[in-house]
Amino acid sequence: MSRTPRQQNEACKELEIVITDMAIYTRLNAVELETILAPYHIEVKSFAPVVGGNANSNYRIHGSDGEYMLTIMEEKSLPEVQKLATLIQWLGEHRFLTPPVYPTATGEMVTQYAGKPVMVKKWIYGDVHEELNADKLRQIGSAMARLHQIPAPVYLAKLPPYGDEFFSIVIGYGKDAMFESWLDDRLRFFKENVPGKLPRGLIHGDVFFDNVLFENDQIKAIIDFEEVRNYYLISDLGMGVIGLCISEKKIDLTKVRNLVMGYERIRPLDILEKESLKLFIEYAAVATSCWRYWKYNIYSSSLDLRNRHLEMFNIAENMILLANDDFMQFVFE
């Protein structure tokens, strides 16, 4: 751990900075960080960029009175982030453990830096486990079911996290005509086959392994509610399967069964939801493939990551080939 000299301002305290090997979109020096945190009255002792996050810049802050996470939202508007902050407060009121938003001294939940929304949250200690055993998957499933029992606020969007408006950015762009045509075909298939009477409610929309924290093998928190929606509850399990139940680049049906088992301990699925789970796993894989294609080929081209969408393309294709009766028999019986 190295120390930086005082920068630009003699009044600025010397801060300890940890530099990690990671992509971070907004890089901050000590003076910039103290400027951002001034409204929060946080006395910074040290800070470090946090590994992870595909769309934000995150910094762990060691303050004189505790630890915090500072997040600069790279792709969200100020109104979107203000709604997110309100939602996190709502979750806290319903005792759902996720890091609480830390307000400024005047009570603001969201500030701005360089035209980008900024949110500060209390740091929650916990570990990310990429390899999840049966017990951990059941714990996550139960936590998702508890989340689904919290009433959905009226201000939440009622469209899927990756809906028509997102696919339309990619389809027809012309970067890879065959892949974009495949996306178009799958999107039309989902529109024609998703049942309209599925139970709806508050969903996380992005329960991947790196959005779940454990402590002593017990689930501690689910974090990063940026894709939260009022949508079909079963769609959350579909995306959760993509984020939690992949082994050797394939869906591990045993893991799916454990995730669902934990979920149904709290909230049993009805028959239509069970019949629709495979469809929403397919949709989650297609949507994730679309997002990765957009992210690394259109939004910010990356030679190293430009083919990352193909992993989810292959997972979607494998799920399409699996008969729904066989899937249901393995997962639910």
Protein backbone atom coordinates (compact mmCIF):
# COMPACT_ATOMS: atom_id res chain seq x y z
CA MET A 1 0.00 0.00 0.00
CA SER A 2 1.64 3.29 -1.10
CA ARG A 3 1.24 6.92 -0.02
CA THR A 4 0.65 9.86 -2.36
CA PRO A 5 2.07 13.33 -1.71
CA ARG A 6 -0.25 16.21 -1.01
CA GLN A 7 -1.75 17.33 -4.27
CA GLN A 8 -2.67 20.79 -5.54
CA ASN A 9 -3.77 21.98 -2.14
CA GLU A 10 -1.65 22.18 0.99
CA ALA A 11 -4.78 21.84 3.11
CA CYS A 12 -5.56 18.46 1.57
CA LYS A 13 -4.64 15.64 3.96
CA GLU A 14 -2.32 12.98 2.66
CA LEU A 15 -4.41 9.97 1.64
CA GLU A 16 -3.44 6.36 1.28
CA ILE A 17 -4.43 5.04 -2.16
CA VAL A 18 -4.58 1.44 -3.35
CA ILE A 19 -4.36 0.94 -7.12
CA THR A 20 -5.74 -2.33 -8.45
CA ASP A 21 -5.50 -3.87 -11.91
CA MET A 22 -9.00 -3.15 -13.14
CA ALA A 23 -11.02 -1.07 -15.56
CA ILE A 24 -12.45 2.00 -13.90
CA TYR A 25 -14.26 4.62 -15.91
CA THR A 26 -13.82 7.71 -13.71
CA ARG A 27 -10.43 7.88 -12.03
CA LEU A 28 -10.20 10.09 -8.98
CA ASN A 29 -7.24 11.58 -7.18
CA ALA A 30 -7.26 12.57 -3.53
CA VAL A 31 -8.34 16.16 -4.12
CA GLU A 32 -11.22 15.17 -6.40
CA LEU A 33 -12.42 12.55 -3.95
CA GLU A 34 -12.43 14.97 -1.04
CA THR A 35 -14.35 17.49 -3.17
CA ILE A 36 -17.04 14.88 -3.92
CA LEU A 37 -17.31 13.81 -0.28
CA ALA A 38 -17.28 17.28 1.24
CA PRO A 39 -21.13 17.49 1.38
CA TYR A 40 -21.17 14.19 3.29
CA HIS A 41 -18.80 15.40 6.01
CA ILE A 42 -16.79 12.18 5.64
CA GLU A 43 -13.17 12.54 6.79
CA VAL A 44 -11.23 10.29 4.39
CA LYS A 45 -8.32 8.28 5.73
CA SER A 46 -7.73 6.14 2.64
CA PHE A 47 -9.54 4.97 -0.47
CA ALA A 48 -9.22 2.38 -3.21
CA PRO A 49 -11.00 1.51 -6.46
CA VAL A 50 -13.15 -1.60 -6.11
CA VAL A 51 -12.75 -4.55 -8.46
CA GLY A 52 -15.93 -5.40 -10.35
CA GLY A 53 -18.85 -3.54 -11.86
CA ASN A 54 -19.54 -3.32 -15.56
CA ALA A 55 -21.16 0.08 -15.73
CA ASN A 56 -20.03 2.13 -12.72
CA SER A 57 -16.91 3.41 -11.02
CA ASN A 58 -16.70 2.29 -7.39
CA TYR A 59 -14.39 3.37 -4.58
CA ARG A 60 -14.07 1.97 -1.09
CA ILE A 61 -13.69 4.78 1.39
CA HIS A 62 -12.04 4.36 4.81
CA GLY A 63 -13.37 7.23 6.88
CA SER A 64 -12.65 8.32 10.41
CA ASP A 65 -16.10 7.07 11.49
CA GLY A 66 -16.55 3.98 9.30
CA GLU A 67 -16.33 2.64 5.77
CA TYR A 68 -18.33 3.59 2.71
CA MET A 69 -18.79 2.75 -0.97
CA LEU A 70 -18.79 5.68 -3.37
CA THR A 71 -20.38 4.90 -6.73
CA ILE A 72 -20.24 7.12 -9.81
CA MET A 73 -23.08 6.06 -12.11
CA GLU A 74 -21.67 6.09 -15.63
CA GLU A 75 -24.81 5.20 -17.57
CA LYS A 76 -27.74 6.32 -15.37
CA SER A 77 -29.48 9.69 -15.34
CA LEU A 78 -29.94 11.74 -12.18
CA PRO A 79 -33.71 10.95 -11.95
CA GLU A 80 -32.98 7.22 -12.36
CA VAL A 81 -30.44 7.24 -9.56
CA GLN A 82 -32.72 9.28 -7.29
CA LYS A 83 -35.41 6.62 -7.75
CA LEU A 84 -32.82 3.95 -6.99
CA ALA A 85 -31.87 5.69 -3.74
CA THR A 86 -35.54 5.88 -2.75
CA LEU A 87 -35.93 2.19 -3.55
CA ILE A 88 -32.96 1.27 -1.35
CA GLN A 89 -34.58 3.17 1.52
CA TRP A 90 -37.81 1.23 0.84
CA LEU A 91 -35.92 -2.07 1.07
CA GLY A 92 -34.42 -0.99 4.38
CA GLU A 93 -37.86 -0.20 5.74
CA HIS A 94 -38.85 -3.79 4.89
CA ARG A 95 -35.71 -5.19 6.55
CA PHE A 96 -34.19 -6.49 3.36
CA LEU A 97 -30.46 -6.39 3.89
CA THR A 98 -28.67 -4.33 1.28
CA PRO A 99 -26.18 -1.50 1.87
CA PRO A 100 -28.08 1.64 2.98
CA VAL A 101 -27.62 4.96 1.21
CA TYR A 102 -25.63 7.50 3.22
CA PRO A 103 -27.03 11.04 2.81
CA THR A 104 -25.23 14.36 2.71
CA ALA A 105 -25.29 16.61 5.76
CA THR A 106 -28.34 18.34 4.25
CA GLY A 107 -30.17 15.07 3.54
CA GLU A 108 -29.50 14.65 -0.18
CA MET A 109 -29.35 10.99 -1.24
CA VAL A 110 -27.70 11.63 -4.62
CA THR A 111 -25.11 14.22 -5.68
CA GLN A 112 -23.26 14.79 -8.97
CA TYR A 113 -19.69 14.86 -10.19
CA ALA A 114 -18.70 15.89 -13.72
CA GLY A 115 -22.35 15.62 -14.71
CA LYS A 116 -22.67 12.05 -13.41
CA PRO A 117 -24.84 10.94 -10.47
CA VAL A 118 -23.00 9.93 -7.31
CA MET A 119 -24.29 7.74 -4.50
CA VAL A 120 -22.57 6.92 -1.21
CA LYS A 121 -23.56 3.82 0.75
CA LYS A 122 -22.44 2.32 4.02
CA TRP A 123 -19.97 -0.49 3.45
CA ILE A 124 -21.23 -3.99 4.24
CA TYR A 125 -18.59 -6.61 4.93
CA GLY A 126 -18.95 -9.82 3.01
CA ASP A 127 -17.34 -12.11 0.46
CA VAL A 128 -18.31 -12.88 -3.13
CA HIS A 129 -18.35 -16.61 -3.93
CA GLU A 130 -18.21 -17.47 -7.61
CA GLU A 131 -18.54 -21.19 -6.92
CA LEU A 132 -21.82 -21.70 -5.07
CA ASN A 133 -22.67 -24.98 -3.36
CA ALA A 134 -26.19 -26.31 -2.81
CA ASP A 135 -26.64 -24.58 0.56
CA LYS A 136 -25.57 -21.16 -0.72
CA LEU A 137 -27.84 -21.45 -3.76
CA ARG A 138 -30.78 -22.30 -1.51
CA GLN A 139 -30.00 -19.30 0.67
CA ILE A 140 -29.95 -17.02 -2.36
CA GLY A 141 -33.21 -18.51 -3.61
CA SER A 142 -34.87 -17.84 -0.25
CA ALA A 143 -33.54 -14.26 -0.23
CA MET A 144 -34.98 -13.67 -3.71
CA ALA A 145 -38.35 -14.98 -2.58
CA ARG A 146 -38.32 -12.61 0.42
CA LEU A 147 -37.52 -9.74 -1.92
CA HIS A 148 -40.47 -10.73 -4.11
CA GLN A 149 -42.79 -10.42 -1.10
CA ILE A 150 -41.95 -6.72 -0.65
CA PRO A 151 -44.59 -4.49 -2.27
CA ALA A 152 -43.40 -2.88 -5.50
CA PRO A 153 -43.35 0.95 -5.31
CA VAL A 154 -45.49 2.71 -7.91
CA TYR A 155 -42.52 4.49 -9.48
CA LEU A 156 -40.82 1.29 -10.69
CA ALA A 157 -40.75 0.61 -14.44
CA LYS A 158 -43.08 -2.19 -15.52
CA LEU A 159 -41.00 -3.36 -18.46
CA PRO A 160 -38.26 -6.03 -18.46
CA PRO A 161 -34.75 -4.80 -17.63
CA TYR A 162 -33.69 -5.53 -21.22
CA GLY A 163 -36.77 -4.90 -23.34
CA ASP A 164 -37.60 -3.70 -26.83
CA GLU A 165 -35.94 -0.32 -26.38
CA PHE A 166 -32.61 -1.97 -25.55
CA PHE A 167 -32.72 -4.61 -28.29
CA SER A 168 -33.57 -1.89 -30.81
CA ILE A 169 -30.21 -0.22 -30.17
CA VAL A 170 -28.43 -3.38 -31.30
CA ILE A 171 -30.67 -5.00 -33.92
CA GLY A 172 -29.86 -3.53 -37.31
CA TYR A 173 -26.69 -1.80 -36.14
CA GLY A 174 -24.74 -3.81 -38.71
CA LYS A 175 -21.71 -4.84 -36.68
CA ASP A 176 -22.58 -8.55 -36.94
CA ALA A 177 -25.63 -9.02 -39.15
CA MET A 178 -26.06 -12.73 -38.39
CA PHE A 179 -26.00 -12.24 -34.62
CA GLU A 180 -28.32 -9.25 -34.80
CA SER A 181 -30.75 -11.26 -36.94
CA TRP A 182 -30.67 -14.02 -34.32
CA LEU A 183 -31.49 -11.46 -31.62
CA ASP A 184 -34.41 -10.21 -33.69
CA ASP A 185 -35.78 -13.75 -34.12
CA ARG A 186 -35.48 -14.53 -30.41
CA LEU A 187 -37.12 -11.26 -29.37
CA ARG A 188 -40.10 -11.94 -31.62
CA PHE A 189 -40.31 -15.48 -30.21
CA PHE A 190 -40.47 -14.18 -26.64
CA LYS A 191 -43.13 -11.63 -27.51
CA GLU A 192 -45.28 -14.41 -28.92
CA ASN A 193 -44.72 -16.94 -26.13
CA VAL A 194 -44.46 -15.16 -22.77
CA PRO A 195 -47.73 -15.71 -20.85
CA GLY A 196 -49.54 -12.54 -19.87
CA LYS A 197 -50.95 -13.63 -16.50
CA LEU A 198 -47.81 -14.37 -14.56
CA PRO A 199 -47.46 -12.92 -11.02
CA ARG A 200 -45.70 -9.57 -11.01
CA GLY A 201 -43.82 -7.68 -8.35
CA LEU A 202 -40.53 -6.17 -7.28
CA ILE A 203 -37.58 -7.90 -8.97
CA HIS A 204 -33.84 -7.30 -8.67
CA GLY A 205 -33.18 -8.04 -12.33
CA ASP A 206 -29.47 -8.85 -12.00
CA VAL A 207 -28.80 -11.47 -9.31
CA PHE A 208 -25.38 -12.59 -10.47
CA PHE A 209 -22.89 -14.20 -8.08
CA ASP A 210 -20.94 -10.94 -7.70
CA ASN A 211 -24.07 -9.17 -6.45
CA VAL A 212 -24.40 -11.51 -3.45
CA LEU A 213 -22.32 -11.21 -0.28
CA PHE A 214 -21.67 -13.99 2.24
CA GLU A 215 -20.15 -13.98 5.69
CA ASN A 216 -19.17 -17.26 7.39
CA ASP A 217 -21.05 -19.11 4.62
CA GLN A 218 -24.28 -17.27 5.46
CA ILE A 219 -25.85 -14.82 3.03
CA LYS A 220 -25.22 -11.26 4.16
CA ALA A 221 -26.73 -9.06 1.46
CA ILE A 222 -27.86 -8.74 -2.13
CA ILE A 223 -26.46 -5.58 -3.70
CA ASP A 224 -26.70 -3.44 -6.87
CA PHE A 225 -30.38 -2.86 -7.53
CA GLU A 226 -29.85 -0.83 -10.70
CA GLU A 227 -32.04 -3.08 -12.85
CA VAL A 228 -34.93 -3.23 -10.36
CA ARG A 229 -38.38 -3.41 -11.94
CA ASN A 230 -42.03 -4.24 -11.31
CA TYR A 231 -42.15 -7.24 -13.62
CA TYR A 232 -42.82 -10.98 -13.74
CA LEU A 233 -41.33 -12.55 -10.61
CA ILE A 234 -40.28 -15.68 -12.48
CA SER A 235 -38.09 -13.55 -14.76
CA ASP A 236 -35.89 -12.78 -11.75
CA LEU A 237 -35.26 -16.49 -11.23
CA GLY A 238 -34.50 -16.83 -14.94
CA MET A 239 -31.81 -14.17 -14.73
CA GLY A 240 -30.63 -15.61 -11.43
CA VAL A 241 -30.01 -18.96 -13.12
CA ILE A 242 -27.79 -17.22 -15.68
CA GLY A 243 -25.91 -15.39 -12.94
CA LEU A 244 -25.57 -18.23 -10.43
CA CYS A 245 -25.96 -21.64 -12.05
CA ILE A 246 -23.40 -21.88 -14.84
CA SER A 247 -20.68 -24.51 -14.65
CA GLU A 248 -18.15 -25.05 -17.42
CA LYS A 249 -20.05 -22.62 -19.67
CA LYS A 250 -23.30 -24.58 -19.38
CA ILE A 251 -26.42 -24.35 -17.24
CA ASP A 252 -26.02 -26.74 -14.31
CA LEU A 253 -29.53 -28.09 -13.72
CA THR A 254 -28.61 -29.39 -10.28
CA LYS A 255 -27.73 -25.84 -9.29
CA VAL A 256 -31.02 -24.63 -10.78
CA ARG A 257 -32.89 -27.17 -8.69
CA ASN A 258 -31.20 -25.97 -5.50
CA LEU A 259 -31.86 -22.32 -6.29
CA VAL A 260 -35.54 -23.08 -6.92
CA MET A 261 -35.75 -25.29 -3.82
CA GLY A 262 -34.57 -22.41 -1.65
CA TYR A 263 -37.00 -20.03 -3.34
CA GLU A 264 -40.00 -22.29 -2.81
CA ARG A 265 -39.26 -22.60 0.90
CA ILE A 266 -40.51 -19.01 1.13
CA ARG A 267 -42.75 -18.55 -1.91
CA PRO A 268 -44.07 -21.59 -3.80
CA LEU A 269 -44.27 -21.11 -7.56
CA ASP A 270 -47.58 -21.66 -9.31
CA ILE A 271 -47.81 -24.05 -12.26
CA LEU A 272 -47.65 -21.31 -14.90
CA GLU A 273 -44.47 -19.94 -13.34
CA LYS A 274 -42.89 -23.39 -13.33
CA GLU A 275 -43.82 -23.90 -16.97
CA SER A 276 -42.32 -20.51 -17.83
CA LEU A 277 -38.99 -20.74 -15.98
CA LYS A 278 -37.06 -22.33 -18.87
CA LEU A 279 -38.40 -19.66 -21.24
CA PHE A 280 -37.16 -16.90 -18.95
CA ILE A 281 -33.75 -18.56 -18.60
CA GLU A 282 -33.54 -18.45 -22.39
CA TYR A 283 -34.60 -14.81 -22.37
CA ALA A 284 -32.01 -13.96 -19.70
CA ALA A 285 -29.24 -15.59 -21.75
CA VAL A 286 -30.33 -13.78 -24.93
CA ALA A 287 -30.63 -10.44 -23.12
CA THR A 288 -27.22 -10.85 -21.46
CA SER A 289 -25.70 -11.79 -24.80
CA CYS A 290 -27.26 -8.67 -26.33
CA TRP A 291 -25.92 -6.47 -23.51
CA ARG A 292 -22.39 -7.84 -23.84
CA TYR A 293 -22.47 -7.41 -27.62
CA TRP A 294 -23.60 -3.80 -27.20
CA LYS A 295 -21.15 -3.07 -24.40
CA TYR A 296 -18.01 -4.44 -26.03
CA ASN A 297 -18.74 -3.89 -29.71
CA ILE A 298 -20.84 -0.73 -29.89
CA TYR A 299 -20.69 1.30 -26.69
CA SER A 300 -16.98 0.80 -25.96
CA SER A 301 -15.20 -1.49 -28.42
CA SER A 302 -12.81 -3.98 -26.86
CA LEU A 303 -10.65 -6.38 -28.85
CA ASP A 304 -10.25 -8.60 -25.78
CA LEU A 305 -13.98 -8.75 -24.95
CA ARG A 306 -15.68 -8.32 -28.32
CA ASN A 307 -16.70 -12.00 -28.48
CA ARG A 308 -17.80 -12.29 -24.86
CA HIS A 309 -21.45 -12.33 -25.94
CA LEU A 310 -20.95 -15.70 -27.63
CA GLU A 311 -20.86 -17.53 -24.28
CA MET A 312 -24.45 -16.47 -23.59
CA PHE A 313 -25.41 -17.12 -27.21
CA ASN A 314 -24.30 -20.74 -26.78
CA ILE A 315 -26.08 -21.06 -23.43
CA ALA A 316 -29.30 -19.75 -24.98
CA GLU A 317 -29.01 -22.19 -27.87
CA ASN A 318 -28.45 -25.12 -25.50
CA MET A 319 -31.52 -24.15 -23.47
CA ILE A 320 -33.61 -23.89 -26.63
CA LEU A 321 -32.71 -27.50 -27.48
CA LEU A 322 -33.73 -28.78 -24.03
CA ALA A 323 -37.33 -29.99 -23.91
CA ASN A 324 -39.40 -28.12 -21.34
CA ASP A 325 -40.88 -31.36 -19.96
CA ASP A 326 -37.38 -32.72 -19.33
CA PHE A 327 -36.33 -29.45 -17.71
CA MET A 328 -39.35 -29.37 -15.39
CA GLN A 329 -39.00 -33.00 -14.42
CA PHE A 330 -35.39 -32.49 -13.34
CA VAL A 331 -35.84 -29.14 -11.59
CA PHE A 332 -39.19 -29.58 -9.89
CA GLU A 333 -39.63 -33.31 -9.28
